[in-house]
Protein backbone atom coordinates (compact mmCIF):
# COMPACT_ATOMS: atom_id res chain seq x y z
CA UNK A 1 0.04 -0.23 0.14
CA UNK A 2 1.09 3.81 -0.48
CA UNK A 3 1.68 5.80 2.76
CA UNK A 4 -2.16 6.53 2.91
CA UNK A 5 -5.27 5.73 1.49
CA UNK A 6 -8.62 7.42 2.10
CA UNK A 7 -11.85 5.84 1.30
CA UNK A 8 -15.23 7.88 1.06
CA UNK A 9 -18.11 6.43 2.48
CA UNK A 10 -20.02 4.93 5.48
CA UNK A 11 -17.73 2.85 7.86
CA UNK A 12 -20.11 0.10 8.34
CA UNK A 13 -20.31 -0.30 4.57
CA UNK A 14 -16.77 -0.03 3.57
CA UNK A 15 -15.01 -1.86 6.75
CA UNK A 16 -16.32 -5.44 5.38
CA UNK A 17 -14.76 -4.64 1.98
CA UNK A 18 -11.28 -4.20 3.33
CA UNK A 19 -9.04 -6.91 3.81
CA UNK A 20 -5.40 -5.63 4.44
CA UNK A 21 -4.63 -6.03 8.16
CA UNK A 22 -3.84 -3.05 10.42
CA UNK A 23 -1.84 -2.42 13.67
CA UNK A 24 -3.82 -0.15 15.35
CA UNK A 25 -7.28 1.40 15.28
CA UNK A 26 -7.75 5.17 16.24
CA UNK A 27 -10.70 6.72 16.10
CA UNK A 28 -13.08 9.99 17.38
CA UNK A 29 -16.50 8.63 16.60
CA UNK A 30 -19.49 10.99 16.71
CA UNK A 31 -20.15 11.06 20.69
CA UNK A 32 -24.02 11.34 20.15
CA UNK A 33 -23.74 13.06 23.45
CA UNK A 34 -26.05 15.97 24.56
CA UNK A 35 -29.91 16.23 24.73
CA UNK A 36 -32.21 15.48 27.61
CA UNK A 37 -34.82 14.02 25.34
CA UNK A 38 -34.87 12.30 21.92
CA UNK A 39 -36.69 15.23 20.42
CA UNK A 40 -33.96 17.48 21.85
CA UNK A 41 -31.20 15.06 20.38
CA UNK A 42 -32.84 15.04 16.94
CA UNK A 43 -33.37 18.69 16.82
CA UNK A 44 -29.56 19.28 17.47
CA UNK A 45 -27.06 19.15 14.81
CA UNK A 46 -23.03 18.71 15.55
CA UNK A 47 -22.80 22.59 15.23
CA UNK A 48 -25.62 23.17 17.87
CA UNK A 49 -23.67 20.93 20.41
CA UNK A 50 -20.23 21.42 19.83
CA UNK A 51 -19.91 25.22 18.55
CA UNK A 52 -20.44 28.19 21.03
CA UNK A 53 -23.09 30.52 19.55
CA UNK A 54 -20.60 33.23 19.53
CA UNK A 55 -17.86 31.39 17.52
CA UNK A 56 -16.42 33.49 14.71
CA UNK A 57 -16.36 30.74 12.06
CA UNK A 58 -18.67 28.64 9.74
CA UNK A 59 -17.34 25.01 10.14
CA UNK A 60 -19.43 22.56 8.32
CA UNK A 61 -21.96 20.29 10.34
CA UNK A 62 -21.53 16.48 10.11
CA UNK A 63 -24.17 13.64 10.42
CA UNK A 64 -24.66 10.67 12.69
CA UNK A 65 -24.56 12.51 15.86
CA UNK A 66 -28.56 12.06 16.64
CA UNK A 67 -28.62 8.48 18.13
CA UNK A 68 -30.01 7.80 21.28
CA UNK A 69 -27.68 5.77 23.79
CA UNK A 70 -28.77 2.24 23.02
CA UNK A 71 -28.63 2.97 19.29
CA UNK A 72 -25.09 4.80 19.66
CA UNK A 73 -23.61 1.39 21.66
CA UNK A 74 -25.05 -1.05 19.23
CA UNK A 75 -23.86 0.94 16.00
CA UNK A 76 -20.40 1.63 17.60
CA UNK A 77 -20.03 -2.07 18.67
CA UNK A 78 -20.51 -3.03 15.04
CA UNK A 79 -18.04 -0.67 13.95
CA UNK A 80 -15.68 -1.65 16.22
CA UNK A 81 -16.21 -5.42 15.77
CA UNK A 82 -15.43 -4.83 11.94
CA UNK A 83 -12.51 -3.00 13.26
CA UNK A 84 -11.33 -5.81 15.20
CA UNK A 85 -11.42 -8.33 12.44
CA UNK A 86 -8.92 -6.15 10.71
CA UNK A 87 -6.45 -5.67 13.53
CA UNK A 88 -3.41 -8.11 13.75
CA UNK A 89 -3.33 -10.09 17.13
CA UNK A 90 -1.86 -7.68 19.74
CA UNK A 91 -2.94 -4.49 17.96
CA UNK A 92 -4.67 -1.61 19.84
CA UNK A 93 -7.83 0.32 19.62
CA UNK A 94 -8.03 3.78 20.96
CA UNK A 95 -11.35 5.42 20.61
CA UNK A 96 -12.34 8.93 22.07
CA UNK A 97 -15.31 9.84 24.17
CA UNK A 98 -16.84 12.33 26.48
CA UNK A 99 -17.87 11.63 30.09
CA UNK A 100 -21.82 11.23 29.30
CA UNK A 101 -20.81 8.37 26.58
CA UNK A 102 -18.02 6.87 28.43
CA UNK A 103 -19.95 3.94 29.90
CA UNK A 104 -21.69 3.25 26.54
CA UNK A 105 -18.35 3.54 24.69
CA UNK A 106 -16.69 0.85 26.90
CA UNK A 107 -19.68 -1.62 26.20
CA UNK A 108 -19.32 -1.05 22.47
CA UNK A 109 -15.48 -1.73 22.84
CA UNK A 110 -15.93 -5.03 24.55
CA UNK A 111 -19.10 -6.00 22.51
CA UNK A 112 -16.62 -5.50 19.43
CA UNK A 113 -14.48 -8.26 20.71
CA UNK A 114 -11.69 -5.97 22.31
CA UNK A 115 -9.98 -6.45 25.62
CA UNK A 116 -10.36 -3.26 27.53
CA UNK A 117 -6.99 -1.98 28.83
CA UNK A 118 -7.56 1.22 30.52
CA UNK A 119 -8.67 5.06 29.96
CA UNK A 120 -6.34 7.80 29.03
CA UNK A 121 -7.77 11.28 29.91
CA UNK A 122 -7.21 14.09 27.63
CA UNK A 123 -7.29 17.32 29.28
CA UNK A 124 -8.16 20.35 27.11
CA UNK A 125 -6.25 23.60 28.31
CA UNK A 126 -9.10 25.80 26.74
CA UNK A 127 -12.12 24.37 28.38
CA UNK A 128 -15.99 24.99 29.66
CA UNK A 129 -16.22 26.51 33.12
CA UNK A 130 -19.50 24.97 34.92
CA UNK A 131 -21.60 27.29 37.34
CA UNK A 132 -21.51 26.04 40.80
CA UNK A 133 -19.74 23.05 39.72
CA UNK A 134 -16.56 21.42 38.18
CA UNK A 135 -15.14 22.59 34.88
CA UNK A 136 -15.69 20.38 31.59
CA UNK A 137 -12.02 20.05 31.30
CA UNK A 138 -11.57 16.47 30.04
CA UNK A 139 -12.53 14.06 27.30
CA UNK A 140 -11.29 10.44 27.37
CA UNK A 141 -9.41 7.70 25.33
CA UNK A 142 -10.32 4.35 25.84
CA UNK A 143 -7.80 1.78 25.09
CA UNK A 144 -8.29 -1.95 23.98
CA UNK A 145 -6.42 -4.74 22.55
CA UNK A 146 -6.77 -7.82 20.17
CA UNK A 147 -5.31 -10.13 22.89
CA UNK A 148 -2.39 -9.67 24.68
CA UNK A 149 -0.78 -6.26 23.72
CA UNK A 150 1.89 -6.08 21.16
CA UNK A 151 5.61 -6.25 22.56
CA UNK A 152 7.68 -3.38 20.91
CA UNK A 153 11.10 -3.65 20.20
CA UNK A 154 12.49 -1.54 21.55
CA UNK A 155 10.08 -1.26 24.49
CA UNK A 156 7.98 1.81 24.47
CA UNK A 157 6.36 3.81 27.31
CA UNK A 158 3.39 6.14 26.42
CA UNK A 159 2.11 8.81 28.63
CA UNK A 160 -1.09 8.16 30.93
CA UNK A 161 -2.71 11.26 30.33
CA UNK A 162 -2.66 13.87 27.36
CA UNK A 163 -2.93 17.64 27.34
CA UNK A 164 -3.78 19.97 24.50
CA UNK A 165 -6.60 22.19 22.92
CA UNK A 166 -8.35 22.07 19.61
CA UNK A 167 -6.84 24.19 16.76
CA UNK A 168 -7.96 27.73 16.64
CA UNK A 169 -8.18 30.18 13.76
CA UNK A 170 -7.41 29.04 10.11
CA UNK A 171 -5.83 25.82 11.52
CA UNK A 172 -9.32 24.63 12.65
CA UNK A 173 -11.18 22.91 9.89
CA UNK A 174 -13.67 20.54 11.72
CA UNK A 175 -15.81 20.83 14.61
CA UNK A 176 -14.31 18.27 16.80
CA UNK A 177 -10.92 18.44 15.40
CA UNK A 178 -8.15 17.03 17.83
CA UNK A 179 -4.89 18.40 18.34
CA UNK A 180 -1.97 16.80 16.24
CA UNK A 181 0.60 17.04 19.01
CA UNK A 182 -1.91 14.64 21.19
CA UNK A 183 -2.73 12.39 18.11
CA UNK A 184 1.08 11.98 17.65
CA UNK A 185 1.52 10.43 21.10
CA UNK A 186 -1.29 8.15 20.49
CA UNK A 187 -0.25 6.53 17.01
CA UNK A 188 3.04 5.66 18.52
CA UNK A 189 0.91 2.68 19.86
CA UNK A 190 1.25 1.21 16.48
CA UNK A 191 4.81 -0.02 15.73
CA UNK A 192 7.15 2.07 13.25
CA UNK A 193 6.17 1.56 9.65
CA UNK A 194 2.81 0.01 10.91
CA UNK A 195 -0.48 0.93 9.64
CA UNK A 196 -2.97 3.04 11.57
CA UNK A 197 -6.80 2.59 10.62
CA UNK A 198 -9.43 5.58 11.28
CA UNK A 199 -12.81 4.73 10.37
CA UNK A 200 -14.18 8.40 11.19
CA UNK A 201 -11.47 10.28 9.80
CA UNK A 202 -12.88 13.72 9.82
CA UNK A 203 -10.59 16.21 8.66
CA UNK A 204 -7.53 13.90 8.84
CA UNK A 205 -5.60 14.57 11.86
CA UNK A 206 -5.19 10.88 12.88
CA UNK A 207 -3.50 10.35 9.51
CA UNK A 208 -1.35 13.44 9.53
CA UNK A 209 -0.03 12.46 12.94
CA UNK A 210 0.46 9.02 11.74
CA UNK A 211 2.68 10.04 8.74
CA UNK A 212 4.73 12.38 10.71
CA UNK A 213 5.31 9.54 13.42
CA UNK A 214 6.73 7.10 10.15
CA UNK A 215 3.42 5.05 10.35
CA UNK A 216 0.98 4.66 7.27
CA UNK A 217 -2.83 5.19 7.20
CA UNK A 218 -6.04 4.05 6.01
CA UNK A 219 -9.01 6.27 6.39
CA UNK A 220 -12.61 6.34 5.93
CA UNK A 221 -14.99 9.42 5.87
CA UNK A 222 -18.62 9.72 4.76
CA UNK A 223 -18.65 13.32 4.66
CA UNK A 224 -17.62 14.74 1.20
CA UNK A 225 -16.56 18.19 2.65
CA UNK A 226 -14.40 16.63 5.20
CA UNK A 227 -13.01 14.06 3.09
CA UNK A 228 -11.89 16.71 0.95
CA UNK A 229 -10.07 18.52 3.40
CA UNK A 230 -8.56 15.46 5.19
CA UNK A 231 -7.14 14.42 1.45
CA UNK A 232 -5.51 17.93 1.32
CA UNK A 233 -3.97 17.60 4.98
CA UNK A 234 -2.86 13.92 4.20
CA UNK A 235 -1.17 15.16 0.87
CA UNK A 236 0.35 18.03 2.57
CA UNK A 237 1.77 15.72 5.34
């Protein structure tokens, strides 16, 4: 394979068609969080949930963020199960989630066949204060493996927590874009020269980090707008 490949389409449709084995799956699925009722959840797009009303940008919305918790758990379990099939023994899964969907995401991880290994907090330096309560300062990365974790040679020691804020200004091209420096630490779970799969590529940050760290990348993205942005960033990387 080349250094990177990006497939345009739905993850559940495309994953069963892939045959090459990968060394790690690293993904940031739509959290499907927020909304106290089904009516509220269906009425809110991703921009309504994740972009402040006073934000001075017009980043494109994306689909797939209106499931209830049972629907989210079932859907994500199917995606992670197909990802498990494509992963070499010893390979890792790293999947992002927020506090509200952490229990459902851990259920989906294990339903997909993965052995759950732990939680890595991601602290955002720029975050939301909560009146009379605790700041919404962290999101989380759940770690799972296909069987016993790969033994790296030489041995690696990765951090147990991450810190970094979303890109701002012209460098931010996606509503929920993750920082490249955070993703560069995560892709090191794959061996050098190994292959990283991201079924929810978005604007391509996982792929950019993988290429910068000497890994190869396979991505899937259903939004034509964000697939185009990802292809530009991957080509530049």
